[in-house]
């Protein structure tokens, strides 16, 4: 992931992974998100909602249930460039009726 090694997390869940320092964190199996005013982008055919954080961006798959969430610190700008690394995982979850406009 962005040339970063896997690092341990405080979660005992197999659905959480982290890479690098500061960590890029991926969580799988979250509830699908509903309509939002946050920016929605399509990367490699996967729709993601981008929610700005104090130091980075939270990306959540849009229109897929369960959802995948990726927390990307601003150290890794431009943050959306990391999303293709999650294509395989996200594409396993069928796209529902909701899409980015």
N, C-alpha and C. Protein backbone atom coordinates (compact mmCIF):
# COMPACT_ATOMS: atom_id res chain seq x y z
N UNK A 1 0.85 -1.17 0.00
CA UNK A 1 0.00 0.00 0.00
C UNK A 1 0.89 1.23 0.00
N UNK A 2 0.92 1.93 -1.11
CA UNK A 2 1.70 3.17 -1.26
C UNK A 2 3.15 2.97 -0.82
N UNK A 3 3.68 1.76 -1.03
CA UNK A 3 5.05 1.47 -0.63
C UNK A 3 5.23 1.31 0.86
N UNK A 4 4.15 1.23 1.61
CA UNK A 4 4.19 1.12 3.06
C UNK A 4 3.96 -0.33 3.50
N UNK A 5 4.57 -0.71 4.60
CA UNK A 5 4.42 -2.06 5.14
C UNK A 5 3.19 -2.15 6.02
N UNK A 6 2.64 -3.37 6.11
CA UNK A 6 1.53 -3.62 7.02
C UNK A 6 2.01 -3.35 8.44
N UNK A 7 1.15 -2.79 9.25
CA UNK A 7 1.49 -2.53 10.65
C UNK A 7 0.39 -3.09 11.52
N UNK A 8 0.71 -3.40 12.78
CA UNK A 8 -0.32 -3.92 13.68
C UNK A 8 -1.36 -2.85 14.01
N UNK A 9 -2.57 -3.31 14.35
CA UNK A 9 -3.63 -2.39 14.78
C UNK A 9 -4.08 -2.81 16.17
N UNK A 10 -4.82 -1.95 16.82
CA UNK A 10 -5.35 -2.28 18.15
C UNK A 10 -6.64 -3.10 18.03
N UNK A 11 -7.13 -3.29 16.82
CA UNK A 11 -8.35 -4.05 16.60
C UNK A 11 -8.02 -5.54 16.48
N UNK A 12 -8.87 -6.36 17.05
CA UNK A 12 -8.70 -7.81 16.91
C UNK A 12 -9.46 -8.33 15.69
N UNK A 13 -10.12 -7.46 14.97
CA UNK A 13 -10.93 -7.84 13.82
C UNK A 13 -10.06 -8.10 12.59
N UNK A 14 -10.39 -9.15 11.86
CA UNK A 14 -9.73 -9.43 10.59
C UNK A 14 -10.15 -8.44 9.51
N UNK A 15 -11.15 -7.63 9.79
CA UNK A 15 -11.69 -6.67 8.81
C UNK A 15 -10.98 -5.32 8.88
N UNK A 16 -9.91 -5.22 9.67
CA UNK A 16 -9.16 -3.96 9.79
C UNK A 16 -7.70 -4.22 9.46
N UNK A 17 -7.15 -3.37 8.59
CA UNK A 17 -5.73 -3.44 8.23
C UNK A 17 -5.18 -2.02 8.24
N UNK A 18 -3.86 -1.93 8.48
CA UNK A 18 -3.20 -0.62 8.46
C UNK A 18 -1.83 -0.77 7.82
N UNK A 19 -1.40 0.32 7.16
CA UNK A 19 -0.10 0.37 6.51
C UNK A 19 0.54 1.72 6.80
N UNK A 20 1.86 1.72 7.01
CA UNK A 20 2.62 2.96 7.09
C UNK A 20 2.52 3.70 8.40
N UNK A 21 3.22 4.85 8.43
CA UNK A 21 3.25 5.73 9.59
C UNK A 21 3.33 7.16 9.08
N UNK A 22 2.28 7.94 9.19
CA UNK A 22 1.02 7.65 9.86
C UNK A 22 0.24 6.59 9.08
N UNK A 23 -0.62 5.86 9.77
CA UNK A 23 -1.25 4.71 9.12
C UNK A 23 -2.37 5.06 8.14
N UNK A 24 -2.37 4.32 7.04
CA UNK A 24 -3.51 4.25 6.13
C UNK A 24 -4.33 3.10 6.70
N UNK A 25 -5.59 3.32 7.00
CA UNK A 25 -6.41 2.30 7.66
C UNK A 25 -7.57 1.90 6.76
N UNK A 26 -7.78 0.60 6.61
CA UNK A 26 -8.92 0.07 5.85
C UNK A 26 -9.78 -0.74 6.79
N UNK A 27 -11.10 -0.48 6.72
CA UNK A 27 -12.07 -1.26 7.50
C UNK A 27 -13.14 -1.78 6.55
N UNK A 28 -13.43 -3.04 6.66
CA UNK A 28 -14.43 -3.67 5.79
C UNK A 28 -15.63 -4.09 6.62
N UNK A 29 -16.78 -4.25 5.96
CA UNK A 29 -17.97 -4.76 6.62
C UNK A 29 -18.80 -3.71 7.32
N UNK A 30 -18.65 -2.46 6.94
CA UNK A 30 -19.41 -1.37 7.57
C UNK A 30 -20.80 -1.24 6.93
N UNK A 31 -21.74 -0.63 7.64
CA UNK A 31 -23.05 -0.38 7.03
C UNK A 31 -22.91 0.55 5.82
N UNK A 32 -23.70 0.31 4.80
CA UNK A 32 -23.68 1.18 3.62
C UNK A 32 -24.11 2.59 4.01
N UNK A 33 -23.51 3.59 3.37
CA UNK A 33 -23.90 4.97 3.66
C UNK A 33 -25.02 5.39 2.71
N UNK A 34 -25.81 6.33 3.18
CA UNK A 34 -26.91 6.86 2.38
C UNK A 34 -26.48 8.09 1.62
N UNK A 35 -27.44 8.76 1.00
CA UNK A 35 -27.14 10.00 0.27
C UNK A 35 -26.42 11.00 1.17
N UNK A 36 -25.54 11.76 0.59
CA UNK A 36 -24.72 12.71 1.33
C UNK A 36 -24.39 13.90 0.44
N UNK A 37 -23.98 14.98 1.07
CA UNK A 37 -23.51 16.15 0.32
C UNK A 37 -22.00 16.11 0.13
N UNK A 38 -21.32 15.11 0.71
CA UNK A 38 -19.88 14.97 0.52
C UNK A 38 -19.60 14.62 -0.95
N UNK A 39 -18.39 14.95 -1.39
CA UNK A 39 -17.99 14.67 -2.77
C UNK A 39 -18.03 13.17 -3.03
N UNK A 40 -18.57 12.80 -4.17
CA UNK A 40 -18.62 11.40 -4.60
C UNK A 40 -17.78 11.29 -5.87
N UNK A 41 -16.82 10.36 -5.87
CA UNK A 41 -15.94 10.20 -7.01
C UNK A 41 -15.96 8.74 -7.45
N UNK A 42 -15.71 8.52 -8.73
CA UNK A 42 -15.61 7.17 -9.26
C UNK A 42 -14.17 6.94 -9.66
N UNK A 43 -13.57 5.88 -9.10
CA UNK A 43 -12.19 5.54 -9.40
C UNK A 43 -12.17 4.07 -9.83
N UNK A 44 -11.74 3.83 -11.04
CA UNK A 44 -11.66 2.47 -11.58
C UNK A 44 -13.01 1.76 -11.51
N UNK A 45 -14.09 2.50 -11.69
CA UNK A 45 -15.41 1.90 -11.67
C UNK A 45 -16.00 1.67 -10.30
N UNK A 46 -15.31 2.11 -9.26
CA UNK A 46 -15.80 2.00 -7.89
C UNK A 46 -16.17 3.40 -7.43
N UNK A 47 -17.38 3.56 -6.89
CA UNK A 47 -17.82 4.86 -6.37
C UNK A 47 -17.41 5.00 -4.91
N UNK A 48 -16.84 6.15 -4.58
CA UNK A 48 -16.37 6.45 -3.23
C UNK A 48 -16.90 7.82 -2.80
N UNK A 49 -17.30 7.93 -1.56
CA UNK A 49 -17.64 9.22 -0.96
C UNK A 49 -16.41 9.68 -0.20
N UNK A 50 -15.98 10.91 -0.48
CA UNK A 50 -14.80 11.49 0.17
C UNK A 50 -15.25 12.49 1.23
N UNK A 51 -14.92 12.20 2.48
CA UNK A 51 -15.27 13.09 3.58
C UNK A 51 -13.97 13.66 4.16
N UNK A 52 -13.78 15.00 4.06
CA UNK A 52 -12.55 15.59 4.59
C UNK A 52 -12.46 15.44 6.10
N UNK A 53 -11.26 15.13 6.57
CA UNK A 53 -10.97 15.04 8.00
C UNK A 53 -9.97 16.13 8.36
N UNK A 54 -9.69 16.29 9.62
CA UNK A 54 -8.73 17.29 10.06
C UNK A 54 -7.38 17.09 9.40
N UNK A 55 -6.95 15.83 9.26
CA UNK A 55 -5.66 15.53 8.65
C UNK A 55 -5.80 14.39 7.65
N UNK A 56 -6.55 14.62 6.58
CA UNK A 56 -6.69 13.60 5.56
C UNK A 56 -8.11 13.48 5.06
N UNK A 57 -8.42 12.30 4.53
CA UNK A 57 -9.73 12.06 3.93
C UNK A 57 -10.21 10.66 4.31
N UNK A 58 -11.52 10.56 4.58
CA UNK A 58 -12.15 9.25 4.78
C UNK A 58 -12.91 8.94 3.50
N UNK A 59 -12.57 7.83 2.87
CA UNK A 59 -13.26 7.36 1.67
C UNK A 59 -14.12 6.17 2.07
N UNK A 60 -15.38 6.17 1.63
CA UNK A 60 -16.29 5.06 1.90
C UNK A 60 -16.94 4.66 0.58
N UNK A 61 -16.96 3.36 0.31
CA UNK A 61 -17.62 2.93 -0.92
C UNK A 61 -19.07 3.38 -0.88
N UNK A 62 -19.57 3.73 -2.05
CA UNK A 62 -20.94 4.22 -2.16
C UNK A 62 -21.73 3.27 -3.04
N UNK A 63 -22.90 2.87 -2.55
CA UNK A 63 -23.76 1.99 -3.30
C UNK A 63 -23.42 0.52 -3.15
N UNK A 64 -22.55 0.18 -2.19
CA UNK A 64 -22.17 -1.21 -1.95
C UNK A 64 -22.43 -1.54 -0.48
N UNK A 65 -22.98 -2.73 -0.26
CA UNK A 65 -23.28 -3.15 1.11
C UNK A 65 -22.81 -4.60 1.29
N UNK A 66 -21.88 -4.78 2.23
CA UNK A 66 -21.36 -3.82 3.19
C UNK A 66 -20.37 -2.85 2.53
N UNK A 67 -20.06 -1.80 3.27
CA UNK A 67 -19.16 -0.77 2.76
C UNK A 67 -17.73 -1.01 3.22
N UNK A 68 -16.80 -0.41 2.49
CA UNK A 68 -15.38 -0.39 2.85
C UNK A 68 -15.02 1.05 3.13
N UNK A 69 -14.29 1.27 4.21
CA UNK A 69 -13.85 2.62 4.59
C UNK A 69 -12.33 2.65 4.57
N UNK A 70 -11.78 3.70 3.97
CA UNK A 70 -10.33 3.90 3.90
C UNK A 70 -10.02 5.27 4.51
N UNK A 71 -9.17 5.30 5.51
CA UNK A 71 -8.72 6.55 6.12
C UNK A 71 -7.32 6.84 5.61
N UNK A 72 -7.17 7.96 4.91
CA UNK A 72 -5.90 8.31 4.29
C UNK A 72 -5.39 9.63 4.87
N UNK A 73 -4.29 9.61 5.63
CA UNK A 73 -3.73 10.85 6.15
C UNK A 73 -3.23 11.75 5.01
N UNK A 74 -3.23 13.05 5.25
CA UNK A 74 -2.82 14.00 4.21
C UNK A 74 -1.36 13.83 3.81
N UNK A 75 -0.57 13.10 4.58
CA UNK A 75 0.82 12.80 4.22
C UNK A 75 0.89 12.14 2.85
N UNK A 76 -0.17 11.42 2.47
CA UNK A 76 -0.18 10.64 1.23
C UNK A 76 -0.89 11.35 0.09
N UNK A 77 -0.92 12.68 0.11
CA UNK A 77 -1.59 13.46 -0.95
C UNK A 77 -1.00 13.13 -2.31
N UNK A 78 -1.79 13.15 -3.35
CA UNK A 78 -3.24 13.25 -3.38
C UNK A 78 -3.88 11.92 -2.98
N UNK A 79 -4.71 11.98 -1.97
CA UNK A 79 -5.27 10.81 -1.33
C UNK A 79 -6.01 9.85 -2.26
N UNK A 80 -6.78 10.33 -3.25
CA UNK A 80 -7.52 9.41 -4.12
C UNK A 80 -6.63 8.44 -4.90
N UNK A 81 -5.35 8.78 -5.06
CA UNK A 81 -4.46 7.90 -5.81
C UNK A 81 -4.25 6.55 -5.13
N UNK A 82 -4.60 6.43 -3.86
CA UNK A 82 -4.46 5.15 -3.16
C UNK A 82 -5.66 4.23 -3.39
N UNK A 83 -6.77 4.74 -3.85
CA UNK A 83 -7.99 3.95 -3.96
C UNK A 83 -7.90 2.75 -4.90
N UNK A 84 -7.18 2.82 -6.03
CA UNK A 84 -7.11 1.63 -6.89
C UNK A 84 -6.55 0.39 -6.19
N UNK A 85 -5.80 0.57 -5.13
CA UNK A 85 -5.28 -0.58 -4.39
C UNK A 85 -6.40 -1.40 -3.75
N UNK A 86 -7.58 -0.80 -3.64
CA UNK A 86 -8.73 -1.47 -3.02
C UNK A 86 -9.76 -1.94 -4.05
N UNK A 87 -9.43 -1.83 -5.34
CA UNK A 87 -10.35 -2.24 -6.40
C UNK A 87 -10.82 -3.68 -6.24
N UNK A 88 -9.89 -4.59 -6.03
CA UNK A 88 -10.25 -6.02 -5.97
C UNK A 88 -11.22 -6.28 -4.82
N UNK A 89 -10.94 -5.71 -3.66
CA UNK A 89 -11.82 -5.93 -2.50
C UNK A 89 -13.18 -5.30 -2.72
N UNK A 90 -13.21 -4.09 -3.23
CA UNK A 90 -14.49 -3.39 -3.43
C UNK A 90 -15.32 -4.02 -4.53
N UNK A 91 -14.68 -4.50 -5.58
CA UNK A 91 -15.44 -5.03 -6.71
C UNK A 91 -16.10 -6.37 -6.40
N UNK A 92 -15.69 -7.04 -5.34
CA UNK A 92 -16.34 -8.29 -4.92
C UNK A 92 -17.75 -8.01 -4.39
N UNK A 93 -17.93 -6.82 -3.85
CA UNK A 93 -19.25 -6.42 -3.30
C UNK A 93 -20.07 -5.84 -4.45
N UNK A 94 -21.23 -6.40 -4.73
CA UNK A 94 -22.02 -5.92 -5.87
C UNK A 94 -22.43 -4.45 -5.72
N UNK A 95 -22.39 -3.74 -6.83
CA UNK A 95 -22.86 -2.35 -6.86
C UNK A 95 -24.38 -2.35 -6.80
N UNK A 96 -24.92 -1.59 -5.87
CA UNK A 96 -26.37 -1.46 -5.74
C UNK A 96 -26.90 -0.39 -6.66
N UNK A 97 -28.07 0.13 -6.33
CA UNK A 97 -28.72 1.12 -7.18
C UNK A 97 -28.11 2.52 -7.05
N UNK A 98 -27.45 2.82 -5.94
CA UNK A 98 -26.87 4.16 -5.76
C UNK A 98 -25.53 4.26 -6.46
N UNK A 99 -25.34 5.39 -7.15
CA UNK A 99 -24.10 5.68 -7.88
C UNK A 99 -23.76 7.14 -7.69
N UNK A 100 -22.48 7.47 -7.90
CA UNK A 100 -22.09 8.88 -7.96
C UNK A 100 -22.77 9.50 -9.17
N UNK A 101 -23.18 10.74 -9.04
CA UNK A 101 -23.79 11.44 -10.18
C UNK A 101 -22.76 12.11 -11.02
